[in-house]
Amino acid sequence: MSGESSKHAWEQRVSEAGSRIEEEVRRVVNYINSEVVPEVRTNGSDALRAAAKELQKLADYMDSRRSSAPPPRPPEDAPKP
């Protein structure tokens, strides 16, 4: 009977842990919905504008490098036309 009672105790601990995990997940979801989502909605457009400016700078840099760089050489083992 000792084995059965230890099995029952183990199952009880797993069940309690599952309940605690469910409660913590609910708390995290509530926090995200009440704190994070409104902040993202408020500042999301500002973040997108800042990212767009940085992407524009990167695109300008890539264009300037492409126009000033010599054309790439084909690899030595490339077939000759």
Protein backbone atom coordinates (compact mmCIF):
# COMPACT_ATOMS: atom_id res chain seq x y z
CA MET A 1 0.00 0.00 0.00
CA SER A 2 2.95 2.33 0.50
CA GLY A 3 3.56 2.47 -3.24
CA GLU A 4 -0.04 3.39 -3.90
CA SER A 5 -0.07 6.19 -1.33
CA SER A 6 3.16 7.65 -2.76
CA LYS A 7 1.63 7.48 -6.24
CA HIS A 8 -1.44 9.30 -4.95
CA ALA A 9 0.76 11.95 -3.27
CA TRP A 10 2.70 12.44 -6.50
CA GLU A 11 -0.52 12.81 -8.51
CA GLN A 12 -1.78 15.33 -5.94
CA ARG A 13 1.41 17.42 -6.26
CA VAL A 14 1.16 17.37 -10.06
CA SER A 15 -2.47 18.43 -9.86
CA GLU A 16 -1.62 21.30 -7.48
CA ALA A 17 1.24 22.40 -9.70
CA GLY A 18 -1.08 22.37 -12.71
CA SER A 19 -3.58 24.54 -10.84
CA ARG A 20 -0.85 27.02 -9.87
CA ILE A 21 0.42 27.15 -13.45
CA GLU A 22 -3.09 27.82 -14.77
CA GLU A 23 -3.51 30.67 -12.28
CA GLU A 24 -0.14 32.19 -13.21
CA VAL A 25 -0.99 32.00 -16.91
CA ARG A 26 -4.25 33.80 -16.21
CA ARG A 27 -2.34 36.51 -14.30
CA VAL A 28 0.13 36.96 -17.17
CA VAL A 29 -2.65 37.18 -19.77
CA ASN A 30 -4.51 39.73 -17.64
CA TYR A 31 -1.33 41.78 -17.21
CA ILE A 32 -0.63 41.75 -20.94
CA ASN A 33 -4.20 42.74 -21.75
CA SER A 34 -4.38 45.50 -19.14
CA GLU A 35 -0.84 46.93 -19.27
CA VAL A 36 1.02 45.95 -22.42
CA VAL A 37 -1.65 46.06 -25.11
CA PRO A 38 -2.86 49.60 -24.28
CA GLU A 39 0.75 50.85 -24.23
CA VAL A 40 1.46 49.27 -27.61
CA ARG A 41 -1.70 50.77 -29.05
CA THR A 42 -0.73 54.19 -27.72
CA ASN A 43 2.92 54.15 -28.82
CA GLY A 44 2.83 51.64 -31.67
CA SER A 45 2.63 54.24 -34.42
CA ASP A 46 5.60 56.14 -32.98
CA ALA A 47 7.65 52.95 -32.92
CA LEU A 48 6.70 52.18 -36.53
CA ARG A 49 7.69 55.69 -37.64
CA ALA A 50 11.06 55.39 -35.90
CA ALA A 51 11.63 51.98 -37.50
CA ALA A 52 10.66 53.37 -40.91
CA LYS A 53 13.21 56.18 -40.56
CA GLU A 54 15.95 53.69 -39.70
CA LEU A 55 14.97 51.44 -42.60
CA GLN A 56 15.07 54.45 -44.93
CA LYS A 57 18.62 55.22 -43.74
CA LEU A 58 19.63 51.61 -44.33
CA ALA A 59 18.12 51.61 -47.82
CA ASP A 60 19.92 54.88 -48.67
CA TYR A 61 23.20 53.42 -47.41
CA MET A 62 22.73 50.24 -49.45
CA ASP A 63 21.93 52.29 -52.57
CA SER A 64 25.03 54.47 -52.11
CA ARG A 65 27.25 51.41 -51.65
CA ARG A 66 25.81 49.74 -54.73
CA SER A 67 26.30 52.81 -56.96
CA SER A 68 29.89 53.40 -55.80
CA ALA A 69 31.04 49.78 -55.79
CA PRO A 70 32.57 48.16 -58.86
CA PRO A 71 30.50 45.39 -60.41
CA PRO A 72 31.06 42.05 -58.73
CA ARG A 73 33.52 39.67 -60.36
CA PRO A 74 32.26 36.25 -61.33
CA PRO A 75 33.73 33.36 -59.37
CA GLU A 76 36.87 31.78 -60.83
CA ASP A 77 35.09 28.49 -61.45
CA ALA A 78 32.12 30.06 -63.24
CA PRO A 79 31.55 28.81 -66.79
CA LYS A 80 32.81 31.12 -69.52
CA PRO A 81 30.16 32.39 -71.99
